[in-house]
Amino acid sequence: MTDVYEPEAAGLARDKTDTLLERVQREVMVGHLPSCQIALVRDGVVGIAKTFGAPAESRYTIFSATKPIVAMAFWTLLDEGLFRLDDPVSDHIPEFALNGKRDITIEQVMLHTSGFPHAPLGSPLWDTRESRLDAFARWRTNWEPGTRFEYHPTSAHWVLAELIERGSGRDYREYIAAAICEPLGLTRFQLGVPLHDQGDIRQLVVTGEVMTPDEIEAVFGFRELPVSEVTTEALLQYNRADVREVGVPGGGGVSTAVDLAMFYQSLLEGGRGLISPEAMKDFSANVRNTFSDFLGTPANRALGLVVAGDDGKSGMRGMGKTVSSRAFGHNGAGGQIAFGDPATGVSFVYLTDGLDEHVVRSARRTTAIASYAGACAN
């Protein structure tokens, strides 16, 4: 899609969209990021589609912003009655039952309360279904399922992908394309990108400087951030053609900002007939996980989405400080932003190819940009 800047056509305030664009462009101009792309859509009308530092047709690795699209594919199978949220995963994937995982439920997997956040599965184990199932059998829990929240960057969604395959009888990537992307017209989103189709994907670039322990302590009150699989080295794997081809369900999607913003428009419109209205409301808006993260912020998770909430902590959940309490979204590593707000009909997406090593600057960037975007409909 070519660049678009017609805020009034989408019922957006031009003075506020001007401020948003200035803030977005600044990061590229000062060299904090190589490029970025944004889309701001209201009630189905694209008010902004702009790319800075790259061709307008560029696609970006969206990391965990992939998760809601995978979740929606599973929602369709839940809505058909093929699964129940309180089903043990092992009822459908017997290989998963070993090592004390027999009673972990589908709901716990979707809410990141299932106890295996650090379960290993990388190249080449993720290349085949057989090796993935072998890995499931070896996985162990780190804590008692259902007792706490710890984000599962990729492990939970490998289980969700397998459930999609068991329920649909199709490869999870094919089912997501057929059941979600095609009916919603998402022509630029892909999960599992063939080599011949990767030419428009931006290469990830490391920028900035790692914070010192003193700097971390000054902001957070402790000297080291928790260790997880989301490291710079792990994220840079997504520059590899073979990793892009795999289609990692927890973070391997590639998209334009417009396609992802249009996906959120479909959620704001009740799923456009892909899911019953009752199920859509339950899955996207019903907060089922209020356990706190390591910073003490309640997770506020629905099934595959984070809900902004009315506790004043929407900024901590990646949606800025100006959205309504009903806004929902799911950001991605490296500063990707994606949300929709039922109160205004606005969906917003910000994508970048820069992996800023300065954690606080990256977080402040997200809060600022999301806050400016959320205010554009006011």
Protein backbone atom coordinates (compact mmCIF):
# COMPACT_ATOMS: atom_id res chain seq x y z
CA MET A 1 0.00 0.00 0.00
CA THR A 2 1.27 3.46 -0.84
CA ASP A 3 1.56 6.12 1.84
CA VAL A 4 -1.73 7.68 2.93
CA TYR A 5 -2.27 10.76 5.03
CA GLU A 6 -5.96 11.64 5.10
CA PRO A 7 -6.82 11.91 8.80
CA GLU A 8 -10.07 13.81 8.29
CA ALA A 9 -11.43 11.06 6.06
CA ALA A 10 -11.15 8.70 9.02
CA GLY A 11 -12.55 11.16 11.54
CA LEU A 12 -9.15 11.86 13.10
CA ALA A 13 -7.89 15.20 14.39
CA ARG A 14 -5.17 16.48 12.04
CA ASP A 15 -3.34 18.47 14.69
CA LYS A 16 -3.00 15.32 16.77
CA THR A 17 -2.00 13.11 13.84
CA ASP A 18 0.62 15.72 12.91
CA THR A 19 2.04 15.40 16.42
CA LEU A 20 2.00 11.60 16.17
CA LEU A 21 3.88 11.64 12.85
CA GLU A 22 6.47 14.08 14.18
CA ARG A 23 7.14 11.84 17.15
CA VAL A 24 7.36 8.71 15.01
CA GLN A 25 9.63 10.26 12.39
CA ARG A 26 12.00 11.68 15.00
CA GLU A 27 13.24 8.22 16.03
CA VAL A 28 14.41 7.51 12.50
CA MET A 29 15.84 10.97 11.88
CA VAL A 30 18.06 10.89 14.99
CA GLY A 31 19.25 7.36 14.22
CA HIS A 32 17.62 5.45 17.06
CA LEU A 33 15.86 3.22 14.51
CA PRO A 34 16.60 2.39 10.86
CA SER A 35 12.96 2.61 9.77
CA CYS A 36 9.38 2.33 10.96
CA GLN A 37 5.89 2.01 9.57
CA ILE A 38 2.56 3.04 11.08
CA ALA A 39 -1.13 2.68 10.33
CA LEU A 40 -4.03 4.42 12.03
CA VAL A 41 -7.49 3.24 10.99
CA ARG A 42 -10.92 4.25 12.23
CA ASP A 43 -14.16 2.47 11.41
CA GLY A 44 -12.55 0.73 8.46
CA VAL A 45 -11.06 3.88 6.91
CA VAL A 46 -7.27 4.23 6.68
CA GLY A 47 -6.38 7.69 7.96
CA ILE A 48 -2.62 7.15 8.11
CA ALA A 49 -0.36 4.66 6.38
CA LYS A 50 3.21 5.97 6.47
CA THR A 51 6.68 4.48 6.29
CA PHE A 52 9.86 6.31 7.32
CA GLY A 53 13.31 5.16 6.25
CA ALA A 54 12.12 2.32 4.01
CA PRO A 55 9.95 1.68 0.92
CA ALA A 56 6.22 1.97 1.56
CA GLU A 57 5.63 -1.66 0.55
CA SER A 58 8.01 -3.00 3.23
CA ARG A 59 6.91 -5.75 5.60
CA TYR A 60 8.22 -6.16 9.12
CA THR A 61 8.76 -9.04 11.53
CA ILE A 62 6.05 -8.42 14.11
CA PHE A 63 7.20 -10.89 16.79
CA SER A 64 4.54 -11.45 19.49
CA ALA A 65 2.03 -9.22 17.72
CA THR A 66 1.54 -12.47 15.77
CA LYS A 67 -0.13 -14.12 18.76
CA PRO A 68 -3.66 -12.65 18.43
CA ILE A 69 -3.95 -13.84 14.82
CA VAL A 70 -2.99 -17.36 15.86
CA ALA A 71 -5.38 -17.07 18.80
CA MET A 72 -8.24 -16.01 16.53
CA ALA A 73 -7.67 -19.08 14.38
CA PHE A 74 -8.03 -21.19 17.50
CA TRP A 75 -11.09 -19.21 18.59
CA THR A 76 -12.88 -20.43 15.47
CA LEU A 77 -12.31 -24.02 16.56
CA LEU A 78 -13.40 -23.25 20.12
CA ASP A 79 -16.54 -21.63 18.76
CA GLU A 80 -17.28 -24.76 16.71
CA GLY A 81 -17.15 -26.83 19.90
CA LEU A 82 -14.09 -28.83 18.88
CA PHE A 83 -12.36 -27.84 22.12
CA ARG A 84 -13.29 -26.60 25.58
CA LEU A 85 -11.12 -24.22 27.54
CA ASP A 86 -11.03 -26.54 30.54
CA ASP A 87 -9.90 -29.49 28.43
CA PRO A 88 -6.49 -30.81 29.45
CA VAL A 89 -4.12 -30.31 26.53
CA SER A 90 -3.14 -33.97 26.88
CA ASP A 91 -6.68 -35.04 25.94
CA HIS A 92 -5.91 -33.78 22.44
CA ILE A 93 -2.11 -34.12 22.37
CA PRO A 94 -1.20 -37.28 24.31
CA GLU A 95 2.52 -36.61 23.77
CA PHE A 96 2.18 -33.53 25.98
CA ALA A 97 1.11 -35.46 29.09
CA LEU A 98 4.53 -36.57 30.29
CA ASN A 99 6.59 -34.98 33.10
CA GLY A 100 3.67 -33.74 35.16
CA LYS A 101 1.89 -31.82 32.38
CA ARG A 102 -1.17 -34.08 32.13
CA ASP A 103 -3.61 -31.66 33.78
CA ILE A 104 -2.51 -28.39 32.12
CA THR A 105 -5.59 -26.92 30.45
CA ILE A 106 -6.00 -25.14 27.15
CA GLU A 107 -7.07 -22.00 29.01
CA GLN A 108 -3.86 -22.01 31.06
CA VAL A 109 -1.82 -22.30 27.86
CA MET A 110 -3.64 -19.32 26.32
CA LEU A 111 -3.25 -17.22 29.48
CA HIS A 112 0.48 -17.89 30.05
CA THR A 113 -0.24 -19.54 33.39
CA SER A 114 0.69 -23.06 32.28
CA GLY A 115 4.09 -23.24 33.93
CA PHE A 116 6.49 -23.89 31.05
CA PRO A 117 7.62 -20.41 29.94
CA HIS A 118 11.21 -21.51 29.31
CA ALA A 119 10.48 -24.77 27.47
CA PRO A 120 13.09 -25.07 24.72
CA LEU A 121 12.13 -25.40 21.08
CA GLY A 122 14.35 -23.87 18.44
CA SER A 123 16.01 -24.72 15.17
CA PRO A 124 16.10 -27.48 14.00
CA LEU A 125 13.56 -28.99 16.47
CA TRP A 126 10.79 -26.71 15.27
CA ASP A 127 11.27 -27.74 11.63
CA THR A 128 9.01 -30.82 11.73
CA ARG A 129 5.85 -31.82 13.55
CA GLU A 130 7.49 -35.03 14.75
CA SER A 131 10.39 -33.23 16.41
CA ARG A 132 8.01 -30.69 17.96
CA LEU A 133 5.96 -33.48 19.54
CA ASP A 134 9.14 -35.11 20.82
CA ALA A 135 10.03 -31.80 22.47
CA PHE A 136 6.56 -31.54 24.06
CA ALA A 137 7.12 -34.93 25.69
CA ARG A 138 10.42 -33.77 27.23
CA TRP A 139 9.22 -30.41 28.51
CA ARG A 140 8.92 -29.91 32.26
CA THR A 141 7.15 -27.23 34.25
CA ASN A 142 9.02 -24.50 36.11
CA TRP A 143 6.20 -23.94 38.60
CA GLU A 144 2.73 -25.29 39.37
CA PRO A 145 0.37 -24.52 36.47
CA GLY A 146 -2.41 -22.08 37.25
CA THR A 147 -0.66 -20.48 40.22
CA ARG A 148 1.11 -17.54 38.59
CA PHE A 149 1.74 -15.64 35.37
CA GLU A 150 4.99 -15.71 33.46
CA TYR A 151 5.00 -14.82 29.80
CA HIS A 152 5.59 -17.80 27.49
CA PRO A 153 7.31 -16.11 24.51
CA THR A 154 7.03 -19.07 22.12
CA SER A 155 6.36 -22.35 23.96
CA ALA A 156 2.61 -21.92 24.58
CA HIS A 157 1.89 -21.04 20.97
CA TRP A 158 3.66 -24.13 19.66
CA VAL A 159 1.09 -26.06 21.69
CA LEU A 160 -1.69 -23.86 20.31
CA ALA A 161 -0.45 -24.48 16.76
CA GLU A 162 -0.59 -28.23 17.34
CA LEU A 163 -4.11 -27.94 18.72
CA ILE A 164 -5.09 -26.03 15.57
CA GLU A 165 -3.72 -28.88 13.48
CA ARG A 166 -5.56 -31.52 15.54
CA GLY A 167 -8.84 -29.62 15.35
CA SER A 168 -8.73 -28.49 11.73
CA GLY A 169 -6.87 -31.39 10.14
CA ARG A 170 -4.64 -28.88 8.36
CA ASP A 171 -1.17 -27.43 8.81
CA TYR A 172 -1.56 -24.55 11.26
CA ARG A 173 -0.07 -22.06 8.79
CA GLU A 174 -2.47 -23.14 6.06
CA TYR A 175 -5.44 -22.98 8.41
CA ILE A 176 -4.55 -19.48 9.62
CA ALA A 177 -4.23 -18.29 6.03
CA ALA A 178 -7.53 -19.88 4.96
CA ALA A 179 -9.64 -19.26 8.06
CA ILE A 180 -8.40 -15.78 9.04
CA CYS A 181 -6.24 -14.02 6.46
CA GLU A 182 -8.22 -14.78 3.30
CA PRO A 183 -11.70 -13.89 4.59
CA LEU A 184 -10.36 -10.74 6.26
CA GLY A 185 -8.38 -9.67 3.19
CA LEU A 186 -5.03 -9.72 4.98
CA THR A 187 -2.90 -10.15 1.86
CA ARG A 188 0.38 -8.91 3.34
CA PHE A 189 0.41 -10.86 6.60
CA GLN A 190 2.15 -14.23 6.45
CA LEU A 191 3.13 -16.85 8.96
CA GLY A 192 5.67 -19.12 7.30
CA VAL A 193 7.10 -17.15 4.38
CA PRO A 194 8.59 -19.09 1.42
CA LEU A 195 12.07 -18.02 0.39
CA HIS A 196 10.85 -16.54 -2.89
CA ASP A 197 8.44 -14.26 -1.01
CA GLN A 198 10.86 -12.74 1.51
CA GLY A 199 12.32 -9.91 -0.55
CA ASP A 200 10.15 -7.18 0.99
CA ILE A 201 10.85 -8.09 4.64
CA ARG A 202 13.04 -5.61 6.49
CA GLN A 203 16.23 -6.92 8.07
CA LEU A 204 16.40 -6.44 11.82
CA VAL A 205 19.20 -4.13 13.00
CA VAL A 206 20.57 -3.73 16.53
CA THR A 207 20.69 -0.12 17.72
CA GLY A 208 21.42 1.71 20.94
CA GLU A 209 23.41 0.62 23.95
CA VAL A 210 22.77 -1.91 26.70
CA MET A 211 21.84 -0.30 30.03
CA THR A 212 24.36 -0.60 32.84
CA PRO A 213 23.35 -2.21 36.16
CA ASP A 214 23.42 1.26 37.73
CA GLU A 215 21.01 2.59 35.10
CA ILE A 216 18.70 -0.41 35.55
CA GLU A 217 18.69 0.05 39.32
CA ALA A 218 17.90 3.75 39.02
CA VAL A 219 14.73 2.97 37.04
CA PHE A 220 13.55 -0.39 38.37
CA GLY A 221 15.12 -0.69 41.81
CA PHE A 222 17.05 -3.84 40.95
CA ARG A 223 20.28 -4.33 39.04
CA GLU A 224 19.38 -7.07 36.56
CA LEU A 225 16.35 -7.64 34.36
CA PRO A 226 14.83 -11.13 34.41
CA VAL A 227 16.40 -13.57 31.97
CA SER A 228 14.09 -14.89 29.25
CA GLU A 229 14.41 -16.33 25.78
CA VAL A 230 13.74 -12.87 24.30
CA THR A 231 17.37 -11.91 23.80
CA THR A 232 18.86 -9.85 21.01
CA GLU A 233 20.57 -12.94 19.66
CA ALA A 234 17.28 -14.85 19.61
CA LEU A 235 15.44 -12.02 17.87
CA LEU A 236 18.12 -11.70 15.18
CA GLN A 237 17.40 -15.30 14.18
CA TYR A 238 14.32 -13.93 12.45
CA ASN A 239 16.59 -12.42 9.79
CA ARG A 240 17.32 -15.98 8.65
CA ALA A 241 15.38 -17.24 5.66
CA ASP A 242 14.87 -20.69 7.19
CA VAL A 243 13.39 -19.23 10.40
CA ARG A 244 11.00 -17.05 8.39
CA GLU A 245 9.91 -20.15 6.46
CA VAL A 246 9.12 -22.09 9.65
CA GLY A 247 6.42 -19.69 10.81
CA VAL A 248 7.03 -19.61 14.56
CA PRO A 249 3.45 -19.23 15.89
CA GLY A 250 4.42 -17.17 18.92
CA GLY A 251 6.37 -14.55 17.01
CA GLY A 252 7.23 -15.34 13.40
CA GLY A 253 4.57 -13.39 11.54
CA VAL A 254 5.47 -10.71 9.01
CA SER A 255 3.10 -7.94 8.02
CA THR A 256 2.55 -4.39 6.99
CA ALA A 257 1.13 -2.02 9.57
CA VAL A 258 -2.06 -1.63 7.54
CA ASP A 259 -2.80 -5.35 7.43
CA LEU A 260 -2.32 -5.70 11.17
CA ALA A 261 -4.44 -2.61 11.84
CA MET A 262 -7.16 -4.07 9.62
CA PHE A 263 -7.01 -7.30 11.61
CA TYR A 264 -7.83 -5.26 14.72
CA GLN A 265 -10.64 -3.57 12.84
CA SER A 266 -12.14 -7.01 12.30
CA LEU A 267 -12.02 -7.63 16.05
CA LEU A 268 -13.64 -4.25 16.73
CA GLU A 269 -16.38 -5.24 14.28
CA GLY A 270 -17.09 -8.48 16.12
CA GLY A 271 -15.04 -10.81 13.97
CA ARG A 272 -16.93 -10.20 10.71
CA GLY A 273 -18.88 -13.41 11.00
CA LEU A 274 -15.89 -15.70 11.53
CA ILE A 275 -16.91 -16.24 15.18
CA SER A 276 -20.27 -15.91 16.93
CA PRO A 277 -20.81 -12.53 18.61
CA GLU A 278 -21.08 -14.13 22.06
CA ALA A 279 -17.81 -16.03 21.66
CA MET A 280 -16.07 -13.00 20.20
CA LYS A 281 -16.98 -10.85 23.19
CA ASP A 282 -15.96 -13.57 25.64
CA PHE A 283 -12.62 -14.38 24.01
CA SER A 284 -11.48 -10.80 23.35
CA ALA A 285 -12.83 -8.85 26.34
CA ASN A 286 -13.23 -11.24 29.26
CA VAL A 287 -10.17 -10.78 31.49
CA ARG A 288 -9.22 -14.21 32.80
CA ASN A 289 -5.68 -13.61 34.07
CA THR A 290 -4.98 -10.91 36.66
CA PHE A 291 -1.77 -12.36 38.07
CA SER A 292 1.00 -9.75 38.23
CA ASP A 293 4.20 -9.66 36.20
CA PHE A 294 7.67 -9.13 37.67
CA LEU A 295 7.03 -5.39 37.90
CA GLY A 296 3.79 -5.89 39.82
CA THR A 297 1.48 -5.02 36.92
CA PRO A 298 -1.61 -7.27 36.63
CA ALA A 299 -1.49 -9.12 33.32
CA ASN A 300 -5.12 -8.29 32.38
CA ARG A 301 -5.19 -11.04 29.75
CA ALA A 302 -8.10 -12.30 27.76
CA LEU A 303 -7.63 -15.29 25.42
CA GLY A 304 -4.73 -14.10 23.29
CA LEU A 305 -5.11 -10.38 23.95
CA VAL A 306 -4.15 -7.90 26.66
CA VAL A 307 -6.93 -5.58 27.87
CA ALA A 308 -6.01 -1.98 28.80
CA GLY A 309 -8.03 -1.99 32.03
CA ASP A 310 -9.27 0.80 34.29
CA ASP A 311 -6.45 0.75 36.85
CA GLY A 312 -4.36 3.44 35.18
CA LYS A 313 -1.76 0.96 33.95
CA SER A 314 -2.64 0.76 30.25
CA GLY A 315 0.75 2.33 29.51
CA MET A 316 2.48 -0.55 31.29
CA ARG A 317 0.52 -2.90 29.05
CA GLY A 318 1.82 -1.28 25.87
CA MET A 319 -1.22 0.74 24.80
CA GLY A 320 -0.24 4.15 26.05
CA LYS A 321 -2.19 6.34 28.46
CA THR A 322 -5.02 7.69 26.29
CA VAL A 323 -6.99 4.59 25.26
CA SER A 324 -10.22 3.52 26.92
CA SER A 325 -10.30 0.78 29.53
CA ARG A 326 -11.79 -1.57 26.90
CA ALA A 327 -8.91 -1.25 24.44
CA PHE A 328 -7.13 -4.50 23.65
CA GLY A 329 -3.96 -5.46 21.84
CA HIS A 330 -0.70 -7.33 21.89
CA ASN A 331 2.68 -5.75 21.28
CA GLY A 332 5.80 -7.48 20.01
CA ALA A 333 9.49 -7.54 20.88
CA GLY A 334 11.61 -4.73 19.50
CA GLY A 335 8.92 -2.11 20.04
CA GLN A 336 6.06 -3.32 17.84
CA ILE A 337 2.71 -1.80 18.90
CA ALA A 338 -0.75 -3.10 17.98
CA PHE A 339 -4.13 -2.34 19.54
CA GLY A 340 -7.76 -1.57 18.89
CA ASP A 341 -10.10 0.56 20.97
CA PRO A 342 -13.84 -0.25 20.96
CA ALA A 343 -14.64 3.15 22.47
CA THR A 344 -13.32 5.06 19.44
CA GLY A 345 -13.25 2.50 16.61
CA VAL A 346 -9.53 3.18 16.20
CA SER A 347 -6.87 0.58 15.56
CA PHE A 348 -3.21 1.49 15.57
CA VAL A 349 -0.06 -0.35 14.55
CA TYR A 350 3.59 0.72 14.72
CA LEU A 351 6.31 -1.53 13.34
CA THR A 352 10.09 -1.15 13.25
CA ASP A 353 13.16 -3.07 12.17
CA GLY A 354 15.28 -1.59 14.96
CA LEU A 355 16.13 -3.62 18.06
CA ASP A 356 16.97 -0.85 20.52
CA GLU A 357 19.21 -2.27 23.25
CA HIS A 358 18.30 0.57 25.62
CA VAL A 359 15.29 -0.99 27.36
CA VAL A 360 13.99 2.16 29.03
CA ARG A 361 14.23 4.30 25.90
CA SER A 362 12.37 1.61 23.97
CA ALA A 363 9.64 1.43 26.62
CA ARG A 364 9.25 5.19 26.76
CA ARG A 365 9.04 5.30 22.96
CA THR A 366 6.22 2.78 23.04
CA THR A 367 4.30 4.69 25.69
CA ALA A 368 4.68 8.01 23.91
CA ILE A 369 3.77 6.79 20.43
CA ALA A 370 0.82 4.70 21.64
CA SER A 371 -0.45 7.63 23.73
CA TYR A 372 -0.29 10.03 20.79
CA ALA A 373 -2.09 7.50 18.60
CA GLY A 374 -4.83 6.83 21.11
CA ALA A 375 -5.58 10.55 21.39
CA CYS A 376 -6.05 11.11 17.65
CA ALA A 377 -9.77 10.26 17.76
CA ASN A 378 -10.52 12.62 20.64
